[in-house]
């Protein structure tokens, strides 16, 4: 049978859909609801040659995920940056055109991409809770910075405003602790996730936040299955920049990375060098050799990732050996 390519542009309330078969293109728009999605995809349910593609837009994808998880269609979730870089120079955009671009992109590139794998209910819950926690941490950070500015100008600031901000920070702290408690409860109810979660935390510097985030990002270590791929994904691998004999820059990490994961990894690296372990010894030795501190910290982030994957692969726990470097 001839393959059918379906490109879906997702918004909060609607889905713009481009269907391409035998070089003939159709377009339609439906509501972003399970009922309408089921009705639309029903005609393709028995066609094994149907390929569905969409961008990753976060929680707006969830209705589609729920329906597609119960169907035997080949599904691809595209990184928006990958799609944007592949198209080239553009003028103008709208939802209909975006769905066509997604459809054409997947028609050309589906053989080089990894299909979407439905996440388990527990991982989906953890993903949402991690997102809510991250959102509250950002709000708390903003309020804390504002409090410092207000305290600097305390003679010109209404004390009631300071009190309100303090109460808000305390409330956010309470909510973050509540979310973290729910994350631990979900993990402890899943034997596989619990085992991975506990063994990861035997690595110096790796705490509850990084451990739960790694479970979410790797779908319980069923995706991004190698340490090198995870290091690249999290932006800790330096890449060279060279052209001919006249252009050469010192290798640097790429800006195309998961910024949240990179931030938590950096905090884990900072924590690890304050403890008695081989990573701290490695850091101190490299700094004494004259290496840049940030460069050494980046190497430690990379080492943490490789230790995590070694523990998962070998089904073991981390052994702290100070004589190793």
Protein backbone atom coordinates (compact mmCIF):
# COMPACT_ATOMS: atom_id res chain seq x y z
CA UNK A 1 0.00 0.00 0.00
CA UNK A 2 1.01 3.61 -0.57
CA UNK A 3 2.20 5.36 2.58
CA UNK A 4 0.03 8.04 4.12
CA UNK A 5 1.84 10.91 5.85
CA UNK A 6 -0.05 13.00 8.42
CA UNK A 7 1.48 16.22 9.74
CA UNK A 8 -0.22 17.77 12.77
CA UNK A 9 0.30 21.32 14.00
CA UNK A 10 -0.85 21.52 17.62
CA UNK A 11 -2.36 24.46 19.46
CA UNK A 12 -4.24 24.66 22.74
CA UNK A 13 -7.73 24.35 21.23
CA UNK A 14 -7.29 23.04 17.66
CA UNK A 15 -5.22 20.69 15.51
CA UNK A 16 -4.35 21.63 11.93
CA UNK A 17 -3.80 18.43 9.95
CA UNK A 18 -2.11 17.91 6.59
CA UNK A 19 -2.67 14.51 4.91
CA UNK A 20 -0.39 13.55 2.04
CA UNK A 21 -0.91 10.44 -0.13
CA UNK A 22 0.25 9.78 -3.68
CA UNK A 23 1.64 13.34 -3.84
CA UNK A 24 -1.89 14.67 -3.17
CA UNK A 25 -2.26 16.98 -0.18
CA UNK A 26 -5.38 17.58 1.92
CA UNK A 27 -5.95 19.83 4.91
CA UNK A 28 -8.45 19.83 7.75
CA UNK A 29 -8.85 21.25 11.25
CA UNK A 30 -10.31 19.54 14.30
CA UNK A 31 -10.64 20.30 18.01
CA UNK A 32 -7.81 19.25 20.30
CA UNK A 33 -9.96 16.72 22.16
CA UNK A 34 -9.82 12.94 22.49
CA UNK A 35 -13.26 12.55 20.94
CA UNK A 36 -12.45 14.46 17.74
CA UNK A 37 -8.98 12.91 17.44
CA UNK A 38 -10.43 9.38 17.68
CA UNK A 39 -13.01 10.22 15.02
CA UNK A 40 -10.36 11.53 12.64
CA UNK A 41 -7.81 8.72 13.12
CA UNK A 42 -10.42 5.94 12.96
CA UNK A 43 -10.18 5.78 9.15
CA UNK A 44 -6.40 5.13 9.41
CA UNK A 45 -6.47 2.66 12.30
CA UNK A 46 -6.11 -0.42 10.06
CA UNK A 47 -3.52 1.09 7.72
CA UNK A 48 -0.03 0.01 8.84
CA UNK A 49 1.52 2.38 6.29
CA UNK A 50 0.20 5.50 8.01
CA UNK A 51 2.87 7.75 9.54
CA UNK A 52 1.85 10.51 11.97
CA UNK A 53 4.16 13.39 12.91
CA UNK A 54 3.88 16.36 15.25
CA UNK A 55 6.09 18.83 17.08
CA UNK A 56 6.76 18.51 20.78
CA UNK A 57 4.63 21.25 22.36
CA UNK A 58 4.53 19.94 25.92
CA UNK A 59 1.17 19.37 27.58
CA UNK A 60 -0.82 20.34 24.45
CA UNK A 61 0.27 16.97 22.99
CA UNK A 62 -1.33 14.92 25.75
CA UNK A 63 -4.74 14.39 24.10
CA UNK A 64 -2.99 13.10 20.97
CA UNK A 65 -0.66 10.90 23.01
CA UNK A 66 -3.58 9.34 24.84
CA UNK A 67 -5.34 8.34 21.60
CA UNK A 68 -2.21 7.27 19.70
CA UNK A 69 -1.01 5.08 22.59
CA UNK A 70 -3.97 2.77 21.87
CA UNK A 71 -3.40 2.63 18.11
CA UNK A 72 -0.82 0.77 16.00
CA UNK A 73 0.32 3.75 13.95
CA UNK A 74 3.92 4.81 13.41
CA UNK A 75 4.31 8.10 15.28
CA UNK A 76 7.14 10.65 15.32
CA UNK A 77 7.48 13.57 17.73
CA UNK A 78 9.81 16.14 16.14
CA UNK A 79 12.09 18.55 17.95
CA UNK A 80 10.84 22.03 16.88
CA UNK A 81 14.43 23.26 16.42
CA UNK A 82 15.25 20.31 14.15
CA UNK A 83 12.24 21.16 11.98
CA UNK A 84 13.06 24.88 11.89
CA UNK A 85 16.71 24.32 10.92
CA UNK A 86 15.77 21.86 8.17
CA UNK A 87 13.37 24.18 6.35
CA UNK A 88 15.76 27.04 5.56
CA UNK A 89 14.75 30.65 4.91
CA UNK A 90 11.07 31.35 5.54
CA UNK A 91 8.66 34.20 5.06
CA UNK A 92 5.44 34.11 7.03
CA UNK A 93 3.72 31.26 8.81
CA UNK A 94 0.34 30.04 9.97
CA UNK A 95 -1.05 26.80 11.39
CA UNK A 96 -2.06 25.38 8.02
CA UNK A 97 1.37 26.00 6.50
CA UNK A 98 3.08 24.61 9.60
CA UNK A 99 1.14 21.33 9.31
CA UNK A 100 2.23 21.07 5.65
CA UNK A 101 5.86 21.65 6.62
CA UNK A 102 5.67 18.94 9.28
CA UNK A 103 4.13 16.55 6.75
CA UNK A 104 6.80 17.20 4.11
CA UNK A 105 9.57 16.96 6.71
CA UNK A 106 8.48 13.53 7.95
CA UNK A 107 7.99 12.27 4.41
CA UNK A 108 11.65 13.03 3.66
CA UNK A 109 13.23 12.12 7.01
CA UNK A 110 11.17 9.44 8.78
CA UNK A 111 13.72 6.68 8.03
CA UNK A 112 16.44 8.62 9.89
CA UNK A 113 14.38 9.36 13.02
CA UNK A 114 13.45 7.28 16.06
CA UNK A 115 9.70 6.58 16.41
CA UNK A 116 7.81 7.91 19.41
CA UNK A 117 7.41 5.48 22.32
CA UNK A 118 4.45 5.91 24.62
CA UNK A 119 5.51 6.74 28.17
CA UNK A 120 4.08 4.78 31.09
CA UNK A 121 1.41 6.48 33.27
CA UNK A 122 3.91 6.82 36.12
CA UNK A 123 6.49 8.57 33.90
CA UNK A 124 3.78 10.91 32.56
CA UNK A 125 2.79 11.84 36.11
CA UNK A 126 6.43 12.39 37.06
CA UNK A 127 6.91 14.59 33.99
CA UNK A 128 3.98 16.83 34.95
CA UNK A 129 5.08 17.06 38.59
CA UNK A 130 8.66 17.91 37.59
CA UNK A 131 7.32 20.67 35.32
CA UNK A 132 5.20 22.09 38.17
CA UNK A 133 8.15 21.96 40.55
CA UNK A 134 10.42 23.71 38.02
CA UNK A 135 7.82 26.44 37.51
CA UNK A 136 7.59 27.13 41.26
CA UNK A 137 11.38 27.15 41.65
CA UNK A 138 11.59 29.88 38.99
CA UNK A 139 8.92 31.95 40.75
CA UNK A 140 10.72 31.55 44.10
CA UNK A 141 14.02 32.55 42.54
CA UNK A 142 12.46 35.71 41.08
CA UNK A 143 10.88 36.64 44.40
CA UNK A 144 14.16 36.04 46.25
CA UNK A 145 16.02 38.38 43.90
CA UNK A 146 13.29 40.97 44.33
CA UNK A 147 13.52 40.67 48.12
CA UNK A 148 17.25 41.45 48.01
CA UNK A 149 16.58 44.58 45.95
CA UNK A 150 13.81 45.69 48.30
CA UNK A 151 15.96 45.11 51.39
CA UNK A 152 18.69 47.26 49.83
CA UNK A 153 16.08 50.03 49.56
CA UNK A 154 14.40 49.17 52.85
CA UNK A 155 14.12 52.82 53.94
CA UNK A 156 12.06 53.54 50.82
CA UNK A 157 10.04 50.31 50.74
CA UNK A 158 6.65 49.53 52.23
CA UNK A 159 7.25 46.89 54.93
CA UNK A 160 3.92 45.26 54.11
CA UNK A 161 5.25 44.42 50.63
CA UNK A 162 8.30 42.73 52.17
CA UNK A 163 6.04 40.74 54.46
CA UNK A 164 3.82 39.64 51.54
CA UNK A 165 6.84 38.49 49.56
CA UNK A 166 8.17 36.54 52.54
CA UNK A 167 4.80 34.82 52.98
CA UNK A 168 4.70 34.00 49.26
CA UNK A 169 8.18 32.44 49.38
CA UNK A 170 7.20 30.32 52.40
CA UNK A 171 4.03 29.19 50.58
CA UNK A 172 6.01 28.25 47.46
CA UNK A 173 8.54 26.34 49.60
CA UNK A 174 5.67 24.40 51.11
CA UNK A 175 4.22 23.60 47.66
CA UNK A 176 7.62 22.46 46.33
CA UNK A 177 8.03 20.08 49.28
CA UNK A 178 4.52 18.73 48.66
CA UNK A 179 5.28 18.12 44.96
CA UNK A 180 8.59 16.43 45.81
CA UNK A 181 6.75 14.17 48.26
CA UNK A 182 4.28 13.14 45.53
CA UNK A 183 7.18 12.41 43.14
CA UNK A 184 8.78 10.09 45.71
CA UNK A 185 5.44 8.37 46.38
CA UNK A 186 4.92 7.59 42.66
CA UNK A 187 8.47 6.25 42.31
CA UNK A 188 8.20 4.07 45.41
CA UNK A 189 5.03 2.45 44.07
CA UNK A 190 6.90 1.32 40.93
CA UNK A 191 9.52 -1.35 41.71
CA UNK A 192 11.64 -0.75 38.60
CA UNK A 193 11.69 3.05 38.97
CA UNK A 194 12.34 2.76 42.71
CA UNK A 195 15.34 0.48 42.14
CA UNK A 196 16.84 2.82 39.51
CA UNK A 197 16.07 5.91 41.61
CA UNK A 198 17.83 4.54 44.70
CA UNK A 199 20.91 3.21 42.88
CA UNK A 200 21.44 6.47 40.96
CA UNK A 201 21.58 8.39 44.23
CA UNK A 202 24.58 6.37 45.45
CA UNK A 203 26.69 8.53 43.08
CA UNK A 204 28.23 11.56 44.88
CA UNK A 205 26.29 14.74 44.08
CA UNK A 206 23.23 12.99 42.63
CA UNK A 207 20.16 13.81 44.68
CA UNK A 208 16.41 13.28 44.43
CA UNK A 209 15.79 16.05 41.89
CA UNK A 210 18.41 14.86 39.36
CA UNK A 211 17.48 11.20 39.85
CA UNK A 212 13.76 11.80 39.16
CA UNK A 213 14.57 14.10 36.23
CA UNK A 214 16.78 11.44 34.61
CA UNK A 215 13.97 8.89 34.96
CA UNK A 216 11.62 11.26 33.13
CA UNK A 217 14.05 12.29 30.37
CA UNK A 218 15.03 8.68 29.61
CA UNK A 219 11.55 7.16 30.13
CA UNK A 220 12.96 4.88 32.81
CA UNK A 221 16.19 4.42 30.80
CA UNK A 222 14.33 2.91 27.82
CA UNK A 223 15.18 5.98 25.69
CA UNK A 224 18.56 7.75 25.28
CA UNK A 225 20.20 4.44 26.09
CA UNK A 226 23.87 5.47 25.97
CA UNK A 227 25.86 7.83 28.19
CA UNK A 228 27.38 9.58 25.15
CA UNK A 229 23.93 10.41 23.75
CA UNK A 230 22.76 11.70 27.13
CA UNK A 231 25.91 13.82 27.50
CA UNK A 232 25.22 15.33 24.07
CA UNK A 233 21.51 15.82 24.90
CA UNK A 234 22.33 17.62 28.17
CA UNK A 235 24.95 19.87 26.55
CA UNK A 236 28.14 18.79 28.36
CA UNK A 237 30.09 17.56 25.31
CA UNK A 238 32.51 20.05 23.67
CA UNK A 239 32.48 20.21 19.85
CA UNK A 240 35.24 21.61 17.66
CA UNK A 241 34.71 24.46 15.18
CA UNK A 242 37.11 24.23 12.28
CA UNK A 243 37.12 25.15 8.60
CA UNK A 244 40.23 24.81 6.43
CA UNK A 245 43.44 26.21 7.86
CA UNK A 246 42.27 29.72 8.75
CA UNK A 247 39.21 29.14 10.96
CA UNK A 248 39.61 27.31 14.25
CA UNK A 249 37.93 27.87 17.61
CA UNK A 250 38.57 26.11 20.87
CA UNK A 251 36.07 23.21 21.37
CA UNK A 252 32.96 24.42 23.20
CA UNK A 253 29.73 22.89 24.46
CA UNK A 254 26.71 23.41 22.24
CA UNK A 255 23.85 25.75 23.13
CA UNK A 256 21.44 23.17 21.68
CA UNK A 257 20.82 21.26 24.91
CA UNK A 258 18.23 20.56 27.58
CA UNK A 259 18.87 23.64 29.71
CA UNK A 260 16.98 22.41 32.79
CA UNK A 261 18.83 19.09 32.88
CA UNK A 262 22.15 20.86 32.34
CA UNK A 263 21.44 23.21 35.25
CA UNK A 264 20.63 20.35 37.64
CA UNK A 265 23.73 18.44 36.48
CA UNK A 266 25.84 21.52 37.21
CA UNK A 267 24.43 21.70 40.76
CA UNK A 268 25.19 17.98 41.16
CA UNK A 269 28.78 18.57 40.03
CA UNK A 270 29.18 21.43 42.53
CA UNK A 271 27.80 19.22 45.27
CA UNK A 272 30.09 16.30 44.39
CA UNK A 273 33.32 18.33 44.70
CA UNK A 274 32.39 19.33 48.26
CA UNK A 275 32.22 15.67 49.35
CA UNK A 276 34.98 13.13 49.98
CA UNK A 277 35.07 11.12 46.76
CA UNK A 278 37.13 10.54 43.64
CA UNK A 279 35.33 13.33 41.73
CA UNK A 280 36.48 15.88 44.34
CA UNK A 281 40.06 14.54 44.07
CA UNK A 282 39.86 14.77 40.28
CA UNK A 283 38.61 18.39 40.48
CA UNK A 284 41.34 19.48 42.90
CA UNK A 285 44.09 17.82 40.84
CA UNK A 286 42.96 19.37 37.54
CA UNK A 287 42.64 22.85 39.08
CA UNK A 288 46.16 22.57 40.52
CA UNK A 289 47.36 21.64 37.03
CA UNK A 290 46.03 25.00 35.83
CA UNK A 291 42.83 23.82 34.13
CA UNK A 292 39.88 26.19 33.91
CA UNK A 293 37.46 25.50 36.79
CA UNK A 294 34.33 25.58 34.61
CA UNK A 295 35.98 23.20 32.14
CA UNK A 296 36.75 20.77 34.96
CA UNK A 297 33.20 21.05 36.30
CA UNK A 298 31.87 20.25 32.83
CA UNK A 299 34.08 17.14 32.78
CA UNK A 300 32.59 16.14 36.15
CA UNK A 301 29.06 16.57 34.76
CA UNK A 302 30.07 14.20 31.98
CA UNK A 303 31.55 11.74 34.48
CA UNK A 304 28.34 11.79 36.54
CA UNK A 305 26.31 10.88 33.44
CA UNK A 306 28.67 8.00 32.58
CA UNK A 307 28.51 6.72 36.16
CA UNK A 308 24.70 6.79 36.09
CA UNK A 309 24.56 4.73 32.91
CA UNK A 310 27.23 2.31 34.16
CA UNK A 311 25.17 1.67 37.30
CA UNK A 312 21.98 1.11 35.30
CA UNK A 313 23.72 -1.16 32.78
CA UNK A 314 25.54 -3.26 35.39
CA UNK A 315 22.63 -3.30 37.85
CA UNK A 316 24.98 -2.17 40.61
CA UNK A 317 25.59 0.69 43.05
CA UNK A 318 28.39 3.24 43.10
CA UNK A 319 31.49 2.36 45.13
CA UNK A 320 33.46 5.33 46.39
CA UNK A 321 37.15 4.70 45.78
CA UNK A 322 39.31 7.70 46.60
CA UNK A 323 42.44 6.25 44.98
CA UNK A 324 40.68 6.40 41.58
CA UNK A 325 40.65 9.60 39.48
